[in-house]
N, C-alpha and C. Protein backbone atom coordinates (compact mmCIF):
# COMPACT_ATOMS: atom_id res chain seq x y z
N UNK A 1 -3.09 -9.93 -12.65
CA UNK A 1 -3.28 -9.56 -11.24
C UNK A 1 -3.01 -9.10 -10.59
N UNK A 2 -3.60 -7.93 -9.41
CA UNK A 2 -2.35 -7.41 -7.98
C UNK A 2 -3.09 -8.51 -7.41
N UNK A 3 -2.22 -9.27 -6.54
CA UNK A 3 -2.73 -10.16 -5.70
C UNK A 3 -2.96 -9.01 -3.94
N UNK A 4 -3.80 -8.60 -3.65
CA UNK A 4 -4.09 -8.00 -2.13
C UNK A 4 -4.40 -9.04 -1.76
N UNK A 5 -4.21 -8.31 -0.09
CA UNK A 5 -4.32 -9.26 1.08
C UNK A 5 -5.30 -9.80 1.45
N UNK A 6 -5.94 -10.87 1.96
CA UNK A 6 -7.00 -10.36 2.79
C UNK A 6 -6.59 -10.97 3.82
N UNK A 7 -8.02 -10.29 4.73
CA UNK A 7 -8.14 -10.91 6.20
C UNK A 7 -7.79 -12.40 6.27
N UNK A 8 -8.27 -13.55 5.22
CA UNK A 8 -7.39 -14.55 5.30
C UNK A 8 -6.26 -15.31 5.58
N UNK A 9 -5.56 -14.71 5.36
CA UNK A 9 -3.83 -14.77 4.68
C UNK A 9 -2.99 -14.06 6.01
N UNK A 10 -3.91 -13.91 6.79
CA UNK A 10 -3.30 -13.14 7.87
C UNK A 10 -2.89 -14.80 8.47
N UNK A 11 -1.97 -14.30 9.78
CA UNK A 11 -1.26 -15.86 10.89
C UNK A 11 -2.13 -14.72 11.77
N UNK A 12 -3.20 -15.22 12.30
CA UNK A 12 -3.99 -14.91 13.73
C UNK A 12 -3.60 -15.16 15.42
N UNK A 13 -2.78 -16.63 15.19
CA UNK A 13 -1.95 -16.73 16.21
C UNK A 13 -0.66 -16.23 16.28
N UNK A 14 -0.30 -16.01 15.21
CA UNK A 14 1.15 -15.09 15.74
C UNK A 14 0.71 -14.13 16.28
N UNK A 15 -0.57 -13.55 15.20
CA UNK A 15 -0.93 -11.61 16.22
C UNK A 15 -0.96 -11.46 17.26
N UNK A 16 -2.33 -12.91 17.90
CA UNK A 16 -2.35 -13.03 19.09
C UNK A 16 -1.93 -12.63 20.28
N UNK A 17 -0.98 -13.73 19.84
CA UNK A 17 0.33 -13.68 20.54
C UNK A 17 1.18 -12.56 21.03
N UNK A 18 1.83 -12.11 19.55
CA UNK A 18 2.30 -11.13 20.05
C UNK A 18 1.92 -9.60 20.22
N UNK A 19 0.31 -9.66 20.17
CA UNK A 19 -0.17 -8.56 20.24
C UNK A 19 -1.04 -8.82 22.38
N UNK A 20 -1.11 -10.13 22.93
CA UNK A 20 -1.15 -10.52 23.73
C UNK A 20 -2.30 -9.79 24.79
N UNK A 21 -1.94 -8.30 26.00
CA UNK A 21 -2.33 -7.66 26.59
C UNK A 21 -3.57 -7.17 25.51
N UNK A 22 -3.39 -6.96 24.76
CA UNK A 22 -4.43 -6.38 23.99
C UNK A 22 -5.79 -6.50 23.88
N UNK A 23 -5.64 -7.67 23.82
CA UNK A 23 -6.99 -8.05 23.08
C UNK A 23 -7.72 -8.59 23.62
N UNK A 24 -9.31 -8.16 22.91
CA UNK A 24 -9.92 -8.58 23.70
C UNK A 24 -11.17 -9.25 23.45
N UNK A 25 -10.91 -10.25 23.05
CA UNK A 25 -11.54 -11.32 22.93
C UNK A 25 -12.26 -11.89 21.58
N UNK A 26 -12.81 -10.78 20.64
CA UNK A 26 -13.14 -11.22 19.48
C UNK A 26 -12.07 -10.19 18.36
N UNK A 27 -11.57 -10.73 17.75
CA UNK A 27 -10.08 -9.93 17.18
C UNK A 27 -10.25 -9.93 15.39
N UNK A 28 -10.70 -9.03 15.17
CA UNK A 28 -10.49 -9.05 13.79
C UNK A 28 -9.39 -8.11 12.71
N UNK A 29 -7.94 -8.59 12.46
CA UNK A 29 -7.60 -7.70 12.11
C UNK A 29 -7.65 -7.97 10.47
N UNK A 30 -6.45 -6.60 9.82
CA UNK A 30 -6.25 -6.33 8.43
C UNK A 30 -5.48 -5.42 8.48
N UNK A 31 -4.69 -5.07 7.52
CA UNK A 31 -3.46 -4.84 7.18
C UNK A 31 -3.84 -3.25 5.28
N UNK A 32 -3.10 -2.27 6.17
CA UNK A 32 -3.94 -1.05 5.53
C UNK A 32 -2.74 -0.44 4.94
N UNK A 33 -2.80 0.61 3.73
CA UNK A 33 -1.11 1.78 3.62
C UNK A 33 -1.52 2.57 3.50
N UNK A 34 -0.88 3.59 3.62
CA UNK A 34 -0.93 5.33 3.25
C UNK A 34 -0.67 4.52 2.11
N UNK A 35 -1.76 6.00 1.10
CA UNK A 35 -1.44 6.08 -0.52
C UNK A 35 -0.58 6.73 -0.47
N UNK A 36 -0.10 7.74 0.20
CA UNK A 36 0.68 8.37 -0.57
C UNK A 36 2.74 8.34 -0.18
N UNK A 37 2.32 7.39 0.90
CA UNK A 37 3.64 7.49 1.49
C UNK A 37 4.62 5.79 1.11
N UNK A 38 3.01 4.95 1.41
CA UNK A 38 3.24 3.05 0.61
C UNK A 38 3.12 2.54 2.40
N UNK A 39 3.14 3.88 3.83
CA UNK A 39 3.67 2.84 4.64
C UNK A 39 2.67 1.73 5.24
N UNK A 40 3.03 0.36 6.01
CA UNK A 40 1.77 0.07 6.21
C UNK A 40 1.50 -0.51 7.67
N UNK A 41 0.27 -0.54 8.27
CA UNK A 41 -0.55 -0.74 9.14
C UNK A 41 -0.93 -1.79 9.49
N UNK A 42 -0.80 -2.14 10.43
CA UNK A 42 -2.26 -3.12 11.08
C UNK A 42 -3.70 -2.54 12.39
N UNK A 43 -4.18 -3.32 11.08
CA UNK A 43 -5.47 -2.67 12.34
C UNK A 43 -6.61 -3.47 12.51
N UNK A 44 -6.90 -3.39 13.63
CA UNK A 44 -7.66 -4.65 15.04
C UNK A 44 -9.30 -3.48 14.35
N UNK A 45 -9.46 -4.40 13.42
CA UNK A 45 -10.62 -3.24 13.10
C UNK A 45 -12.79 -3.17 13.93
N UNK A 46 -12.72 -4.44 14.91
CA UNK A 46 -13.73 -4.26 15.34
C UNK A 46 -13.60 -3.38 16.67
N UNK A 47 -12.16 -3.28 17.52
CA UNK A 47 -11.96 -1.63 18.64
C UNK A 47 -11.59 -0.46 18.31
N UNK A 48 -11.00 -0.69 16.78
CA UNK A 48 -10.61 0.88 15.28
C UNK A 48 -9.10 0.83 16.21
N UNK A 49 -8.23 0.08 16.75
CA UNK A 49 -7.18 0.14 17.01
C UNK A 49 -6.00 -0.01 15.51
N UNK A 50 -5.41 0.91 15.63
CA UNK A 50 -4.23 0.31 13.84
C UNK A 50 -2.61 0.51 15.24
N UNK A 51 -2.01 -0.54 14.96
CA UNK A 51 -0.70 -1.29 15.36
C UNK A 51 0.54 -0.23 13.70
N UNK A 52 1.04 0.48 14.59
CA UNK A 52 2.26 1.09 14.12
C UNK A 52 3.45 0.17 13.96
N UNK A 53 3.91 -0.15 15.02
CA UNK A 53 5.49 -0.49 14.49
C UNK A 53 5.17 -1.87 14.53
N UNK A 54 5.83 -3.01 13.30
CA UNK A 54 5.49 -4.03 13.35
C UNK A 54 6.36 -4.59 14.71
N UNK A 55 7.76 -4.14 15.11
CA UNK A 55 8.40 -4.97 16.53
C UNK A 55 8.03 -4.03 17.51
N UNK A 56 7.07 -3.59 17.40
CA UNK A 56 6.39 -2.84 19.25
C UNK A 56 5.09 -2.60 18.90
N UNK A 57 4.72 -4.08 19.45
CA UNK A 57 2.36 -3.66 18.62
C UNK A 57 1.66 -3.31 20.13
N UNK A 58 2.86 -2.78 21.10
CA UNK A 58 2.32 -2.08 22.01
C UNK A 58 2.09 -0.53 21.37
N UNK A 59 2.53 -0.22 20.34
CA UNK A 59 2.60 1.04 19.96
C UNK A 59 1.35 1.76 19.03
N UNK A 60 0.04 1.92 19.35
CA UNK A 60 -1.03 1.74 19.63
C UNK A 60 -1.71 3.45 18.63
N UNK A 61 -2.17 3.49 17.92
CA UNK A 61 -3.13 4.59 18.00
C UNK A 61 -4.57 4.61 17.55
N UNK A 62 -5.68 5.05 17.83
CA UNK A 62 -7.21 5.24 17.54
C UNK A 62 -7.02 5.08 15.81
N UNK A 63 -8.17 4.26 15.65
CA UNK A 63 -8.72 4.28 14.49
C UNK A 63 -9.61 5.59 14.14
N UNK A 64 -9.80 6.35 15.16
CA UNK A 64 -10.60 7.60 14.34
C UNK A 64 -10.70 9.05 13.54
N UNK A 65 -9.38 9.42 13.96
CA UNK A 65 -8.69 10.14 13.56
C UNK A 65 -7.18 9.68 13.67
N UNK A 66 -7.04 9.38 11.88
CA UNK A 66 -5.75 9.15 12.18
C UNK A 66 -4.86 9.31 10.96
N UNK A 67 -3.47 9.81 11.34
CA UNK A 67 -2.72 10.71 9.41
C UNK A 67 -1.85 9.46 10.06
N UNK A 68 -1.41 9.64 8.79
CA UNK A 68 0.40 8.79 8.31
C UNK A 68 0.94 9.47 9.67
N UNK A 69 1.56 8.41 10.41
CA UNK A 69 3.64 8.83 10.87
C UNK A 69 4.15 9.36 10.23
N UNK A 70 4.67 8.62 8.99
CA UNK A 70 5.79 9.02 8.42
C UNK A 70 5.69 10.39 7.55
N UNK A 71 4.41 10.32 6.86
CA UNK A 71 4.71 11.69 5.61
C UNK A 71 3.21 12.79 6.02
N UNK A 72 2.23 12.48 7.07
CA UNK A 72 1.02 13.15 7.58
C UNK A 72 0.04 13.03 6.89
N UNK A 73 -0.18 12.04 6.26
CA UNK A 73 -2.03 11.70 5.59
C UNK A 73 -2.38 11.57 6.34
N UNK A 74 -3.57 12.56 6.47
CA UNK A 74 -5.00 12.58 7.28
C UNK A 74 -6.08 11.57 6.24
N UNK A 75 -5.50 10.44 6.65
CA UNK A 75 -7.75 9.40 6.15
C UNK A 75 -8.71 10.21 6.64
N UNK A 76 -9.18 10.38 5.67
CA UNK A 76 -11.03 10.69 5.43
C UNK A 76 -11.69 10.08 6.25
N UNK A 77 -12.87 10.27 7.41
CA UNK A 77 -13.67 9.91 8.23
C UNK A 77 -14.49 8.85 7.58
N UNK A 78 -14.46 8.07 7.97
CA UNK A 78 -15.86 6.97 7.14
C UNK A 78 -15.72 6.82 5.55
N UNK A 79 -14.64 6.80 5.67
CA UNK A 79 -14.15 6.14 3.43
C UNK A 79 -13.00 4.97 4.34
N UNK A 80 -13.62 3.77 3.26
CA UNK A 80 -13.55 2.65 4.03
C UNK A 80 -11.46 2.76 3.32
N UNK A 81 -10.95 1.99 4.78
CA UNK A 81 -9.51 2.06 3.99
C UNK A 81 -9.12 0.41 4.24
N UNK A 82 -10.76 -0.69 4.64
CA UNK A 82 -9.73 -2.26 4.81
C UNK A 82 -11.33 -2.86 4.58
N UNK A 83 -11.03 -4.29 3.53
CA UNK A 83 -12.52 -4.52 3.11
C UNK A 83 -12.78 -4.61 1.89
N UNK A 84 -13.58 -5.00 1.31
CA UNK A 84 -14.33 -5.02 0.03
C UNK A 84 -14.31 -3.86 -0.39
N UNK A 85 -14.99 -2.39 0.01
CA UNK A 85 -15.50 -1.80 -0.26
C UNK A 85 -13.85 -0.79 -0.57
N UNK A 86 -12.99 -0.65 0.40
CA UNK A 86 -11.50 0.18 0.64
C UNK A 86 -11.46 0.22 -1.28
N UNK A 87 -11.03 1.22 -1.42
CA UNK A 87 -10.08 1.53 -2.21
C UNK A 87 -8.82 1.03 -2.45
N UNK A 88 -7.97 0.45 -3.65
CA UNK A 88 -7.07 0.47 -3.97
C UNK A 88 -5.52 0.61 -3.92
N UNK A 89 -5.71 2.48 -4.04
CA UNK A 89 -4.86 2.77 -3.44
C UNK A 89 -4.51 2.84 -2.02
N UNK A 90 -5.18 2.03 -0.83
CA UNK A 90 -5.46 1.48 0.29
C UNK A 90 -4.74 0.44 0.47
N UNK A 91 -5.06 -0.53 -0.67
CA UNK A 91 -4.72 -2.05 0.16
C UNK A 91 -3.66 -2.34 -0.60
N UNK A 92 -2.85 -3.37 0.29
CA UNK A 92 -1.21 -4.31 0.41
C UNK A 92 -1.28 -5.07 -0.13
N UNK A 93 -0.49 -4.99 -1.01
CA UNK A 93 -0.18 -6.13 -2.44
C UNK A 93 1.10 -7.22 -1.19
N UNK A 94 0.79 -8.86 -1.85
CA UNK A 94 1.59 -9.23 -1.37
C UNK A 94 2.99 -9.16 -1.10
N UNK A 95 3.51 -8.30 -2.28
CA UNK A 95 4.90 -8.43 -2.32
C UNK A 95 5.31 -7.13 -1.72
N UNK A 96 4.25 -6.04 -1.78
CA UNK A 96 4.33 -5.08 -0.61
C UNK A 96 5.00 -5.42 0.90
N UNK A 97 3.62 -6.10 1.40
CA UNK A 97 3.66 -7.09 2.89
C UNK A 97 4.97 -7.84 3.03
N UNK A 98 5.44 -8.91 1.79
CA UNK A 98 6.52 -9.09 2.20
C UNK A 98 7.63 -8.73 2.21
N UNK A 99 8.30 -7.65 1.36
CA UNK A 99 8.96 -6.40 1.73
C UNK A 99 9.02 -5.66 2.82
N UNK A 100 8.18 -5.58 3.61
CA UNK A 100 8.21 -4.89 4.90
C UNK A 100 8.35 -5.54 5.94
N UNK A 101 8.48 -4.64 7.12
CA UNK A 101 9.01 -5.43 8.16
C UNK A 101 7.77 -5.94 8.87
N UNK A 102 6.60 -5.82 8.14
CA UNK A 102 5.15 -6.52 8.46
C UNK A 102 4.68 -7.70 7.59
N UNK A 103 6.20 -8.35 6.87
CA UNK A 103 5.71 -9.89 6.54
C UNK A 103 5.36 -11.08 7.61
N UNK A 104 6.00 -10.96 8.87
CA UNK A 104 5.60 -11.93 9.53
C UNK A 104 4.20 -12.36 9.82
N UNK A 105 3.14 -11.27 9.07
CA UNK A 105 1.85 -10.95 9.07
C UNK A 105 1.35 -12.40 8.51
N UNK A 106 1.92 -12.87 7.20
CA UNK A 106 1.46 -13.76 6.72
C UNK A 106 1.22 -15.20 6.55
N UNK A 107 0.38 -15.94 6.60
CA UNK A 107 0.39 -17.39 6.99
C UNK A 107 1.38 -18.06 6.82
N UNK A 108 1.59 -17.95 4.84
CA UNK A 108 2.99 -18.80 4.65
C UNK A 108 3.25 -17.33 3.79
N UNK A 109 4.82 -17.84 3.21
CA UNK A 109 5.71 -16.34 3.03
C UNK A 109 6.27 -16.79 1.68
N UNK A 110 4.61 -17.42 0.83
CA UNK A 110 5.26 -17.74 -0.40
C UNK A 110 5.20 -16.69 -1.31
N UNK A 111 5.33 -16.33 -2.78
CA UNK A 111 5.22 -15.54 -3.93
C UNK A 111 4.25 -15.41 -5.06
């Protein structure tokens, strides 16, 4: 069975420390990927803010109309890309996250 990343797997303390000034007090984070090229993104879904660069969390995009920065895939408006209603094509596995530059997001870096 594939082990997808859940919000509870994310290290909120470290995310909030790195996000810094971009927080508004009630942050809810998750990860998703492009179904075409598998590029991973971090999203703060209360404010619909997408963090596009794991090494520079000041690189932000609005989630209202978002296209993958690598391949240009246009994410359909209204389609769930995170959470239990999201298609598996958007969900990130533990091994995908560990192999990416976003691996620091995990609370525990074990497989």
